[in-house]
Amino acid sequence: MSRQAAADRVAGILDAQFFRALCEPVRIEIILVLIRKGRSDVGAIAEELPQDRSVISRHLQVLERGGIVCASQEGRHVFYELDALASIQRFEAILGQLKAVLPLCCPAEPR
């Protein structure tokens, strides 16, 4: 495999929205709230954090677009929960691709 082919394989699996969703401390706090509380609406999540409810709502949208949480509507309420299986599968796919190209791009021996 060429270096370009290796780069293309890794680029195909690295998802900017996924990583963007994880790179904000408030979103990490939201993930931790969902781990502790389970399925929750924005009000229940906002009760646990100092940010305004509208800020939490915007962060939840980013997490949903990144595939970290999934939302379901019941009446007037939207409930959020972690999409743990999808996140684990994504991390495993990334790790698998990196392991496959590692010998080509990053030799163990210093040059």
PDB file of N, CA and C in Angstrom:
ATOM      1  N   MET A   1       0.859  -1.174   0.000  1.00  0.00           N
ATOM      2  CA  MET A   1       0.000   0.000   0.000  1.00  0.00           C
ATOM      3  C   MET A   1       0.904   1.236   0.000  1.00  0.00           C
ATOM      4  N   SER A   2       0.559   2.214  -0.816  1.00  0.00           N
ATOM      5  CA  SER A   2       1.334   3.453  -0.864  1.00  0.00           C
ATOM      6  C   SER A   2       0.940   4.363   0.297  1.00  0.00           C
ATOM      7  N   ARG A   3       1.776   5.340   0.554  1.00  0.00           N
ATOM      8  CA  ARG A   3       1.450   6.315   1.604  1.00  0.00           C
ATOM      9  C   ARG A   3       0.159   7.063   1.263  1.00  0.00           C
ATOM     10  N   GLN A   4      -0.050   7.376  -0.015  1.00  0.00           N
ATOM     11  CA  GLN A   4      -1.270   8.075  -0.419  1.00  0.00           C
ATOM     12  C   GLN A   4      -2.496   7.202  -0.169  1.00  0.00           C
ATOM     13  N   ALA A   5      -2.400   5.930  -0.499  1.00  0.00           N
ATOM     14  CA  ALA A   5      -3.518   5.010  -0.247  1.00  0.00           C
ATOM     15  C   ALA A   5      -3.787   4.902   1.247  1.00  0.00           C
ATOM     16  N   ALA A   6      -2.723   4.863   2.039  1.00  0.00           N
ATOM     17  CA  ALA A   6      -2.889   4.808   3.499  1.00  0.00           C
ATOM     18  C   ALA A   6      -3.572   6.070   4.007  1.00  0.00           C
ATOM     19  N   ALA A   7      -3.137   7.219   3.504  1.00  0.00           N
ATOM     20  CA  ALA A   7      -3.751   8.487   3.916  1.00  0.00           C
ATOM     21  C   ALA A   7      -5.220   8.529   3.514  1.00  0.00           C
ATOM     22  N   ASP A   8      -5.527   8.041   2.326  1.00  0.00           N
ATOM     23  CA  ASP A   8      -6.919   8.018   1.861  1.00  0.00           C
ATOM     24  C   ASP A   8      -7.782   7.117   2.737  1.00  0.00           C
ATOM     25  N   ARG A   9      -7.232   5.970   3.145  1.00  0.00           N
ATOM     26  CA  ARG A   9      -7.991   5.052   4.015  1.00  0.00           C
ATOM     27  C   ARG A   9      -8.292   5.708   5.355  1.00  0.00           C
ATOM     28  N   VAL A  10      -7.295   6.357   5.929  1.00  0.00           N
ATOM     29  CA  VAL A  10      -7.495   7.007   7.229  1.00  0.00           C
ATOM     30  C   VAL A  10      -8.442   8.191   7.084  1.00  0.00           C
ATOM     31  N   ALA A  11      -8.290   8.972   6.016  1.00  0.00           N
ATOM     32  CA  ALA A  11      -9.169  10.126   5.804  1.00  0.00           C
ATOM     33  C   ALA A  11     -10.625   9.692   5.670  1.00  0.00           C
ATOM     34  N   GLY A  12     -10.835   8.527   5.085  1.00  0.00           N
ATOM     35  CA  GLY A  12     -12.197   8.036   4.915  1.00  0.00           C
ATOM     36  C   GLY A  12     -12.884   7.672   6.217  1.00  0.00           C
ATOM     37  N   ILE A  13     -12.112   7.375   7.249  1.00  0.00           N
ATOM     38  CA  ILE A  13     -12.703   6.942   8.518  1.00  0.00           C
ATOM     39  C   ILE A  13     -12.718   8.062   9.563  1.00  0.00           C
ATOM     40  N   LEU A  14     -11.826   9.049   9.411  1.00  0.00           N
ATOM     41  CA  LEU A  14     -11.801  10.160  10.366  1.00  0.00           C
ATOM     42  C   LEU A  14     -12.949  11.109  10.047  1.00  0.00           C
ATOM     43  N   ASP A  15     -13.804  11.321  10.997  1.00  0.00           N
ATOM     44  CA  ASP A  15     -15.006  12.127  10.813  1.00  0.00           C
ATOM     45  C   ASP A  15     -14.868  13.399  11.639  1.00  0.00           C
ATOM     46  N   ALA A  16     -14.751  14.539  10.954  1.00  0.00           N
ATOM     47  CA  ALA A  16     -14.539  15.811  11.644  1.00  0.00           C
ATOM     48  C   ALA A  16     -15.685  16.135  12.601  1.00  0.00           C
ATOM     49  N   GLN A  17     -16.922  15.855  12.209  1.00  0.00           N
ATOM     50  CA  GLN A  17     -18.053  16.161  13.098  1.00  0.00           C
ATOM     51  C   GLN A  17     -17.992  15.340  14.375  1.00  0.00           C
ATOM     52  N   PHE A  18     -17.580  14.101  14.273  1.00  0.00           N
ATOM     53  CA  PHE A  18     -17.461  13.233  15.443  1.00  0.00           C
ATOM     54  C   PHE A  18     -16.424  13.802  16.412  1.00  0.00           C
ATOM     55  N   PHE A  19     -15.248  14.133  15.891  1.00  0.00           N
ATOM     56  CA  PHE A  19     -14.196  14.659  16.761  1.00  0.00           C
ATOM     57  C   PHE A  19     -14.522  16.063  17.255  1.00  0.00           C
ATOM     58  N   ARG A  20     -15.159  16.871  16.420  1.00  0.00           N
ATOM     59  CA  ARG A  20     -15.571  18.210  16.846  1.00  0.00           C
ATOM     60  C   ARG A  20     -16.542  18.112  18.025  1.00  0.00           C
ATOM     61  N   ALA A  21     -17.422  17.140  17.970  1.00  0.00           N
ATOM     62  CA  ALA A  21     -18.387  16.961  19.056  1.00  0.00           C
ATOM     63  C   ALA A  21     -17.700  16.611  20.365  1.00  0.00           C
ATOM     64  N   LEU A  22     -16.555  15.971  20.289  1.00  0.00           N
ATOM     65  CA  LEU A  22     -15.852  15.526  21.496  1.00  0.00           C
ATOM     66  C   LEU A  22     -14.833  16.533  22.021  1.00  0.00           C
ATOM     67  N   CYS A  23     -14.550  17.587  21.280  1.00  0.00           N
ATOM     68  CA  CYS A  23     -13.434  18.463  21.661  1.00  0.00           C
ATOM     69  C   CYS A  23     -13.856  19.669  22.496  1.00  0.00           C
ATOM     70  N   GLU A  24     -15.056  19.722  22.972  1.00  0.00           N
ATOM     71  CA  GLU A  24     -15.537  20.846  23.778  1.00  0.00           C
ATOM     72  C   GLU A  24     -15.815  20.358  25.197  1.00  0.00           C
ATOM     73  N   PRO A  25     -15.207  20.987  26.208  1.00  0.00           N
ATOM     74  CA  PRO A  25     -15.404  20.535  27.594  1.00  0.00           C
ATOM     75  C   PRO A  25     -16.867  20.458  28.036  1.00  0.00           C
ATOM     76  N   VAL A  26     -17.694  21.392  27.599  1.00  0.00           N
ATOM     77  CA  VAL A  26     -19.112  21.355  28.000  1.00  0.00           C
ATOM     78  C   VAL A  26     -19.782  20.104  27.441  1.00  0.00           C
ATOM     79  N   ARG A  27     -19.428  19.732  26.225  1.00  0.00           N
ATOM     80  CA  ARG A  27     -20.032  18.536  25.636  1.00  0.00           C
ATOM     81  C   ARG A  27     -19.573  17.273  26.362  1.00  0.00           C
ATOM     82  N   ILE A  28     -18.342  17.270  26.822  1.00  0.00           N
ATOM     83  CA  ILE A  28     -17.871  16.140  27.636  1.00  0.00           C
ATOM     84  C   ILE A  28     -18.683  16.076  28.930  1.00  0.00           C
ATOM     85  N   GLU A  29     -18.947  17.231  29.532  1.00  0.00           N
ATOM     86  CA  GLU A  29     -19.773  17.264  30.748  1.00  0.00           C
ATOM     87  C   GLU A  29     -21.181  16.748  30.470  1.00  0.00           C
ATOM     88  N   ILE A  30     -21.738  17.096  29.327  1.00  0.00           N
ATOM     89  CA  ILE A  30     -23.068  16.596  28.949  1.00  0.00           C
ATOM     90  C   ILE A  30     -23.030  15.072  28.816  1.00  0.00           C
ATOM     91  N   ILE A  31     -21.988  14.551  28.184  1.00  0.00           N
ATOM     92  CA  ILE A  31     -21.838  13.097  28.061  1.00  0.00           C
ATOM     93  C   ILE A  31     -21.796  12.458  29.442  1.00  0.00           C
ATOM     94  N   LEU A  32     -21.052  13.064  30.367  1.00  0.00           N
ATOM     95  CA  LEU A  32     -20.966  12.519  31.727  1.00  0.00           C
ATOM     96  C   LEU A  32     -22.321  12.558  32.431  1.00  0.00           C
ATOM     97  N   VAL A  33     -23.088  13.632  32.213  1.00  0.00           N
ATOM     98  CA  VAL A  33     -24.439  13.706  32.794  1.00  0.00           C
ATOM     99  C   VAL A  33     -25.294  12.566  32.241  1.00  0.00           C
ATOM    100  N   LEU A  34     -25.217  12.333  30.939  1.00  0.00           N
ATOM    101  CA  LEU A  34     -26.014  11.258  30.340  1.00  0.00           C
ATOM    102  C   LEU A  34     -25.565   9.884  30.825  1.00  0.00           C
ATOM    103  N   ILE A  35     -24.290   9.731  31.114  1.00  0.00           N
ATOM    104  CA  ILE A  35     -23.822   8.464  31.686  1.00  0.00           C
ATOM    105  C   ILE A  35     -24.425   8.279  33.075  1.00  0.00           C
ATOM    106  N   ARG A  36     -24.420   9.351  33.875  1.00  0.00           N
ATOM    107  CA  ARG A  36     -24.951   9.259  35.246  1.00  0.00           C
ATOM    108  C   ARG A  36     -26.470   9.106  35.276  1.00  0.00           C
ATOM    109  N   LYS A  37     -27.176   9.884  34.456  1.00  0.00           N
ATOM    110  CA  LYS A  37     -28.639   9.935  34.541  1.00  0.00           C
ATOM    111  C   LYS A  37     -29.351   9.038  33.538  1.00  0.00           C
ATOM    112  N   GLY A  38     -28.678   8.695  32.451  1.00  0.00           N
ATOM    113  CA  GLY A  38     -29.356   7.965  31.391  1.00  0.00           C
ATOM    114  C   GLY A  38     -30.188   8.917  30.545  1.00  0.00           C
ATOM    115  N   ARG A  39     -31.127   8.374  29.845  1.00  0.00           N
ATOM    116  CA  ARG A  39     -31.990   9.128  28.930  1.00  0.00           C
ATOM    117  C   ARG A  39     -32.604  10.324  29.649  1.00  0.00           C
ATOM    118  N   SER A  40     -32.399  11.530  29.089  1.00  0.00           N
ATOM    119  CA  SER A  40     -32.855  12.754  29.759  1.00  0.00           C
ATOM    120  C   SER A  40     -33.252  13.797  28.732  1.00  0.00           C
ATOM    121  N   ASP A  41     -34.132  14.703  29.151  1.00  0.00           N
ATOM    122  CA  ASP A  41     -34.445  15.837  28.291  1.00  0.00           C
ATOM    123  C   ASP A  41     -33.492  16.985  28.618  1.00  0.00           C
ATOM    124  N   VAL A  42     -33.535  18.024  27.800  1.00  0.00           N
ATOM    125  CA  VAL A  42     -32.586  19.128  27.953  1.00  0.00           C
ATOM    126  C   VAL A  42     -32.711  19.793  29.322  1.00  0.00           C
ATOM    127  N   GLY A  43     -33.911  19.869  29.860  1.00  0.00           N
ATOM    128  CA  GLY A  43     -34.107  20.472  31.180  1.00  0.00           C
ATOM    129  C   GLY A  43     -33.394  19.702  32.274  1.00  0.00           C
ATOM    130  N   ALA A  44     -33.508  18.387  32.243  1.00  0.00           N
ATOM    131  CA  ALA A  44     -32.847  17.553  33.253  1.00  0.00           C
ATOM    132  C   ALA A  44     -31.331  17.639  33.121  1.00  0.00           C
ATOM    133  N   ILE A  45     -30.846  17.726  31.901  1.00  0.00           N
ATOM    134  CA  ILE A  45     -29.403  17.854  31.687  1.00  0.00           C
ATOM    135  C   ILE A  45     -28.931  19.219  32.177  1.00  0.00           C
ATOM    136  N   ALA A  46     -29.681  20.268  31.840  1.00  0.00           N
ATOM    137  CA  ALA A  46     -29.308  21.633  32.222  1.00  0.00           C
ATOM    138  C   ALA A  46     -29.297  21.823  33.734  1.00  0.00           C
ATOM    139  N   GLU A  47     -30.127  21.084  34.459  1.00  0.00           N
ATOM    140  CA  GLU A  47     -30.133  21.179  35.924  1.00  0.00           C
ATOM    141  C   GLU A  47     -28.785  20.783  36.523  1.00  0.00           C
ATOM    142  N   GLU A  48     -28.039  19.959  35.826  1.00  0.00           N
ATOM    143  CA  GLU A  48     -26.762  19.439  36.325  1.00  0.00           C
ATOM    144  C   GLU A  48     -25.570  20.320  35.960  1.00  0.00           C
ATOM    145  N   LEU A  49     -25.787  21.311  35.102  1.00  0.00           N
ATOM    146  CA  LEU A  49     -24.676  22.102  34.570  1.00  0.00           C
ATOM    147  C   LEU A  49     -24.933  23.597  34.756  1.00  0.00           C
ATOM    148  N   PRO A  50     -23.866  24.402  34.811  1.00  0.00           N
ATOM    149  CA  PRO A  50     -24.049  25.839  35.029  1.00  0.00           C
ATOM    150  C   PRO A  50     -24.502  26.604  33.784  1.00  0.00           C
ATOM    151  N   GLN A  51     -24.380  26.020  32.609  1.00  0.00           N
ATOM    152  CA  GLN A  51     -24.745  26.716  31.383  1.00  0.00           C
ATOM    153  C   GLN A  51     -26.261  26.836  31.257  1.00  0.00           C
ATOM    154  N   ASP A  52     -26.657  27.852  30.507  1.00  0.00           N
ATOM    155  CA  ASP A  52     -28.074  28.080  30.235  1.00  0.00           C
ATOM    156  C   ASP A  52     -28.633  26.934  29.386  1.00  0.00           C
ATOM    157  N   ARG A  53     -29.902  26.703  29.541  1.00  0.00           N
ATOM    158  CA  ARG A  53     -30.588  25.624  28.821  1.00  0.00           C
ATOM    159  C   ARG A  53     -30.408  25.726  27.306  1.00  0.00           C
ATOM    160  N   SER A  54     -30.450  26.946  26.764  1.00  0.00           N
ATOM    161  CA  SER A  54     -30.287  27.123  25.313  1.00  0.00           C
ATOM    162  C   SER A  54     -28.876  26.731  24.863  1.00  0.00           C
ATOM    163  N   VAL A  55     -27.889  26.989  25.698  1.00  0.00           N
ATOM    164  CA  VAL A  55     -26.508  26.598  25.387  1.00  0.00           C
ATOM    165  C   VAL A  55     -26.398  25.073  25.378  1.00  0.00           C
ATOM    166  N   ILE A  56     -26.999  24.440  26.376  1.00  0.00           N
ATOM    167  CA  ILE A  56     -26.990  22.972  26.448  1.00  0.00           C
ATOM    168  C   ILE A  56     -27.677  22.390  25.217  1.00  0.00           C
ATOM    169  N   SER A  57     -28.769  22.992  24.811  1.00  0.00           N
ATOM    170  CA  SER A  57     -29.509  22.517  23.643  1.00  0.00           C
ATOM    171  C   SER A  57     -28.640  22.575  22.385  1.00  0.00           C
ATOM    172  N   ARG A  58     -27.902  23.659  22.205  1.00  0.00           N
ATOM    173  CA  ARG A  58     -27.011  23.774  21.039  1.00  0.00           C
ATOM    174  C   ARG A  58     -25.909  22.711  21.087  1.00  0.00           C
ATOM    175  N   HIS A  59     -25.362  22.483  22.272  1.00  0.00           N
ATOM    176  CA  HIS A  59     -24.326  21.455  22.407  1.00  0.00           C
ATOM    177  C   HIS A  59     -24.894  20.063  22.119  1.00  0.00           C
ATOM    178  N   LEU A  60     -26.114  19.813  22.536  1.00  0.00           N
ATOM    179  CA  LEU A  60     -26.753  18.524  22.253  1.00  0.00           C
ATOM    180  C   LEU A  60     -26.933  18.320  20.751  1.00  0.00           C
ATOM    181  N   GLN A  61     -27.245  19.389  20.034  1.00  0.00           N
ATOM    182  CA  GLN A  61     -27.382  19.284  18.577  1.00  0.00           C
ATOM    183  C   GLN A  61     -26.056  18.898  17.930  1.00  0.00           C
ATOM    184  N   VAL A  62     -24.959  19.482  18.421  1.00  0.00           N
ATOM    185  CA  VAL A  62     -23.632  19.131  17.894  1.00  0.00           C
ATOM    186  C   VAL A  62     -23.325  17.664  18.193  1.00  0.00           C
ATOM    187  N   LEU A  63     -23.640  17.227  19.407  1.00  0.00           N
ATOM    188  CA  LEU A  63     -23.413  15.826  19.781  1.00  0.00           C
ATOM    189  C   LEU A  63     -24.258  14.883  18.925  1.00  0.00           C
ATOM    190  N   GLU A  64     -25.465  15.302  18.613  1.00  0.00           N
ATOM    191  CA  GLU A  64     -26.332  14.468  17.767  1.00  0.00           C
ATOM    192  C   GLU A  64     -25.787  14.397  16.337  1.00  0.00           C
ATOM    193  N   ARG A  65     -25.376  15.541  15.783  1.00  0.00           N
ATOM    194  CA  ARG A  65     -24.796  15.537  14.430  1.00  0.00           C
ATOM    195  C   ARG A  65     -23.520  14.701  14.372  1.00  0.00           C
ATOM    196  N   GLY A  66     -22.780  14.676  15.470  1.00  0.00           N
ATOM    197  CA  GLY A  66     -21.555  13.881  15.522  1.00  0.00           C
ATOM    198  C   GLY A  66     -21.796  12.407  15.762  1.00  0.00           C
ATOM    199  N   GLY A  67     -23.045  12.027  16.012  1.00  0.00           N
ATOM    200  CA  GLY A  67     -23.369  10.622  16.229  1.00  0.00           C
ATOM    201  C   GLY A  67     -23.058  10.129  17.630  1.00  0.00           C
ATOM    202  N   ILE A  68     -22.878  11.051  18.574  1.00  0.00           N
ATOM    203  CA  ILE A  68     -22.552  10.683  19.951  1.00  0.00           C
ATOM    204  C   ILE A  68     -23.828  10.413  20.749  1.00  0.00           C
ATOM    205  N   VAL A  69     -24.854  11.212  20.505  1.00  0.00           N
ATOM    206  CA  VAL A  69     -26.142  11.011  21.176  1.00  0.00           C
ATOM    207  C   VAL A  69     -27.222  10.842  20.116  1.00  0.00           C
ATOM    208  N   CYS A  70     -28.325  10.255  20.526  1.00  0.00           N
ATOM    209  CA  CYS A  70     -29.492  10.193  19.659  1.00  0.00           C
ATOM    210  C   CYS A  70     -30.661  10.818  20.416  1.00  0.00           C
ATOM    211  N   ALA A  71     -31.565  11.383  19.655  1.00  0.00           N
ATOM    212  CA  ALA A  71     -32.700  12.091  20.236  1.00  0.00           C
ATOM    213  C   ALA A  71     -33.994  11.418  19.809  1.00  0.00           C
ATOM    214  N   SER A  72     -34.968  11.453  20.715  1.00  0.00           N
ATOM    215  CA  SER A  72     -36.298  10.950  20.387  1.00  0.00           C
ATOM    216  C   SER A  72     -37.320  11.893  21.005  1.00  0.00           C
ATOM    217  N   GLN A  73     -38.349  12.178  20.241  1.00  0.00           N
ATOM    218  CA  GLN A  73     -39.374  13.107  20.699  1.00  0.00           C
ATOM    219  C   GLN A  73     -40.557  12.343  21.254  1.00  0.00           C
ATOM    220  N   GLU A  74     -41.011  12.805  22.416  1.00  0.00           N
ATOM    221  CA  GLU A  74     -42.226  12.275  23.033  1.00  0.00           C
ATOM    222  C   GLU A  74     -43.075  13.469  23.430  1.00  0.00           C
ATOM    223  N   GLY A  75     -44.122  13.673  22.678  1.00  0.00           N
ATOM    224  CA  GLY A  75     -44.946  14.851  22.933  1.00  0.00           C
ATOM    225  C   GLY A  75     -44.138  16.106  22.667  1.00  0.00           C
ATOM    226  N   ARG A  76     -44.092  16.989  23.660  1.00  0.00           N
ATOM    227  CA  ARG A  76     -43.346  18.240  23.512  1.00  0.00           C
ATOM    228  C   ARG A  76     -41.896  18.109  23.954  1.00  0.00           C
ATOM    229  N   HIS A  77     -41.511  16.972  24.483  1.00  0.00           N
ATOM    230  CA  HIS A  77     -40.158  16.794  25.015  1.00  0.00           C
ATOM    231  C   HIS A  77     -39.282  15.994  24.053  1.00  0.00           C
ATOM    232  N   VAL A  78     -38.027  16.409  23.973  1.00  0.00           N
ATOM    233  CA  VAL A  78     -37.021  15.658  23.229  1.00  0.00           C
ATOM    234  C   VAL A  78     -36.084  15.046  24.257  1.00  0.00           C
ATOM    235  N   PHE A  79     -35.918  13.745  24.175  1.00  0.00           N
ATOM    236  CA  PHE A  79     -35.047  13.030  25.104  1.00  0.00           C
ATOM    237  C   PHE A  79     -33.767  12.627  24.381  1.00  0.00           C
ATOM    238  N   TYR A  80     -32.674  12.742  25.117  1.00  0.00           N
ATOM    239  CA  TYR A  80     -31.353  12.429  24.568  1.00  0.00           C
ATOM    240  C   TYR A  80     -30.755  11.267  25.335  1.00  0.00           C
ATOM    241  N   GLU A  81     -30.037  10.435  24.610  1.00  0.00           N
ATOM    242  CA  GLU A  81     -29.281   9.361  25.249  1.00  0.00           C
ATOM    243  C   GLU A  81     -28.030   9.105  24.427  1.00  0.00           C
ATOM    244  N   LEU A  82     -27.025   8.559  25.089  1.00  0.00           N
ATOM    245  CA  LEU A  82     -25.785   8.246  24.392  1.00  0.00           C
ATOM    246  C   LEU A  82     -26.027   7.143  23.382  1.00  0.00           C
ATOM    247  N   ASP A  83     -25.414   7.284  22.232  1.00  0.00           N
ATOM    248  CA  ASP A  83     -25.418   6.203  21.247  1.00  0.00           C
ATOM    249  C   ASP A  83     -24.083   5.488  21.405  1.00  0.00           C
ATOM    250  N   ALA A  84     -23.952   4.789  22.520  1.00  0.00           N
ATOM    251  CA  ALA A  84     -22.677   4.193  22.919  1.00  0.00           C
ATOM    252  C   ALA A  84     -22.185   3.166  21.908  1.00  0.00           C
ATOM    253  N   LEU A  85     -23.061   2.337  21.408  1.00  0.00           N
ATOM    254  CA  LEU A  85     -22.644   1.299  20.467  1.00  0.00           C
ATOM    255  C   LEU A  85     -22.063   1.919  19.199  1.00  0.00           C
ATOM    256  N   ALA A  86     -22.720   2.929  18.663  1.00  0.00           N
ATOM    257  CA  ALA A  86     -22.213   3.590  17.453  1.00  0.00           C
ATOM    258  C   ALA A  86     -20.870   4.256  17.721  1.00  0.00           C
ATOM    259  N   SER A  87     -20.721   4.872  18.892  1.00  0.00           N
ATOM    260  CA  SER A  87     -19.452   5.522  19.235  1.00  0.00           C
ATOM    261  C   SER A  87     -18.333   4.497  19.372  1.00  0.00           C
ATOM    262  N   ILE A  88     -18.617   3.396  20.031  1.00  0.00           N
ATOM    263  CA  ILE A  88     -17.610   2.341  20.188  1.00  0.00           C
ATOM    264  C   ILE A  88     -17.216   1.784  18.819  1.00  0.00           C
ATOM    265  N   GLN A  89     -18.201   1.545  17.971  1.00  0.00           N
ATOM    266  CA  GLN A  89     -17.904   1.024  16.633  1.00  0.00           C
ATOM    267  C   GLN A  89     -17.051   2.007  15.839  1.00  0.00           C
ATOM    268  N   ARG A  90     -17.335   3.294  15.988  1.00  0.00           N
ATOM    269  CA  ARG A  90     -16.553   4.300  15.268  1.00  0.00           C
ATOM    270  C   ARG A  90     -15.111   4.319  15.765  1.00  0.00           C
ATOM    271  N   PHE A  91     -14.927   4.300  17.101  1.00  0.00           N
ATOM    272  CA  PHE A  91     -13.571   4.272  17.656  1.00  0.00           C
ATOM    273  C   PHE A  91     -12.821   3.014  17.216  1.00  0.00           C
ATOM    274  N   GLU A  92     -13.504   1.878  17.215  1.00  0.00           N
ATOM    275  CA  GLU A  92     -12.858   0.631  16.796  1.00  0.00           C
ATOM    276  C   GLU A  92     -12.466   0.678  15.321  1.00  0.00           C
ATOM    277  N   ALA A  93     -13.312   1.268  14.485  1.00  0.00           N
ATOM    278  CA  ALA A  93     -12.992   1.390  13.060  1.00  0.00           C
ATOM    279  C   ALA A  93     -11.784   2.303  12.859  1.00  0.00           C
ATOM    280  N   ILE A  94     -11.750   3.406  13.589  1.00  0.00           N
ATOM    281  CA  ILE A  94     -10.610   4.323  13.499  1.00  0.00           C
ATOM    282  C   ILE A  94      -9.339   3.619  13.953  1.00  0.00           C
ATOM    283  N   LEU A  95      -9.416   2.949  15.084  1.00  0.00           N
ATOM    284  CA  LEU A  95      -8.257   2.231  15.609  1.00  0.00           C
ATOM    285  C   LEU A  95      -7.777   1.161  14.624  1.00  0.00           C
ATOM    286  N   GLY A  96      -8.715   0.444  14.034  1.00  0.00           N
ATOM    287  CA  GLY A  96      -8.358  -0.586  13.060  1.00  0.00           C
ATOM    288  C   GLY A  96      -7.625  -0.010  11.858  1.00  0.00           C
ATOM    289  N   GLN A  97      -8.122   1.110  11.329  1.00  0.00           N
ATOM    290  CA  GLN A  97      -7.462   1.745  10.185  1.00  0.00           C
ATOM    291  C   GLN A  97      -6.079   2.261  10.559  1.00  0.00           C
ATOM    292  N   LEU A  98      -5.965   2.871  11.736  1.00  0.00           N
ATOM    293  CA  LEU A  98      -4.662   3.381  12.168  1.00  0.00           C
ATOM    294  C   LEU A  98      -3.660   2.248  12.360  1.00  0.00           C
ATOM    295  N   LYS A  99      -4.112   1.138  12.931  1.00  0.00           N
ATOM    296  CA  LYS A  99      -3.219  -0.017  13.098  1.00  0.00           C
ATOM    297  C   LYS A  99      -2.766  -0.556  11.744  1.00  0.00           C
ATOM    298  N   ALA A 100      -3.646  -0.516  10.762  1.00  0.00           N
ATOM    299  CA  ALA A 100      -3.314  -1.036   9.436  1.00  0.00           C
ATOM    300  C   ALA A 100      -2.261  -0.178   8.735  1.00  0.00           C
ATOM    301  N   VAL A 101      -2.300   1.128   8.925  1.00  0.00           N
ATOM    302  CA  VAL A 101      -1.359   2.007   8.224  1.00  0.00           C
ATOM    303  C   VAL A 101      -0.136   2.369   9.063  1.00  0.00           C
ATOM    304  N   LEU A 102      -0.162   2.066  10.339  1.00  0.00           N
ATOM    305  CA  LEU A 102       0.938   2.425  11.235  1.00  0.00           C
ATOM    306  C   LEU A 102       2.301   1.934  10.751  1.00  0.00           C
ATOM    307  N   PRO A 103       2.441   0.681  10.342  1.00  0.00           N
ATOM    308  CA  PRO A 103       3.763   0.221   9.899  1.00  0.00           C
ATOM    309  C   PRO A 103       4.295   1.002   8.691  1.00  0.00           C
ATOM    310  N   LEU A 104       3.392   1.504   7.862  1.00  0.00           N
ATOM    311  CA  LEU A 104       3.805   2.226   6.665  1.00  0.00           C
ATOM    312  C   LEU A 104       4.241   3.656   6.979  1.00  0.00           C
ATOM    313  N   CYS A 105       3.482   4.323   7.811  1.00  0.00           N
ATOM    314  CA  CYS A 105       3.744   5.747   8.034  1.00  0.00           C
ATOM    315  C   CYS A 105       4.587   6.043   9.263  1.00  0.00           C
ATOM    316  N   CYS A 106       4.591   5.157  10.214  1.00  0.00           N
ATOM    317  CA  CYS A 106       5.229   5.447  11.501  1.00  0.00           C
ATOM    318  C   CYS A 106       6.053   4.249  11.958  1.00  0.00           C
ATOM    319  N   PRO A 107       7.201   4.023  11.349  1.00  0.00           N
ATOM    320  CA  PRO A 107       7.991   2.854  11.741  1.00  0.00           C
ATOM    321  C   PRO A 107       8.404   2.914  13.204  1.00  0.00           C
ATOM    322  N   ALA A 108       8.504   1.752  13.819  1.00  0.00           N
ATOM    323  CA  ALA A 108       8.842   1.674  15.241  1.00  0.00           C
ATOM    324  C   ALA A 108      10.274   2.113  15.508  1.00  0.00           C
ATOM    325  N   GLU A 109      11.158   1.908  14.566  1.00  0.00           N
ATOM    326  CA  GLU A 109      12.568   2.258  14.736  1.00  0.00           C
ATOM    327  C   GLU A 109      12.782   3.727  14.381  1.00  0.00           C
ATOM    328  N   PRO A 110      13.521   4.474  15.214  1.00  0.00           N
ATOM    329  CA  PRO A 110      13.823   5.865  14.846  1.00  0.00           C
ATOM    330  C   PRO A 110      14.721   5.915  13.616  1.00  0.00           C
ATOM    331  N   ARG A 111      14.548   6.939  12.838  1.00  0.00           N
ATOM    332  CA  ARG A 111      15.338   7.071  11.599  1.00  0.00           C
ATOM    333  C   ARG A 111      16.607   7.815  11.851  1.00  0.00           C
TER     334      ARG A 111
END
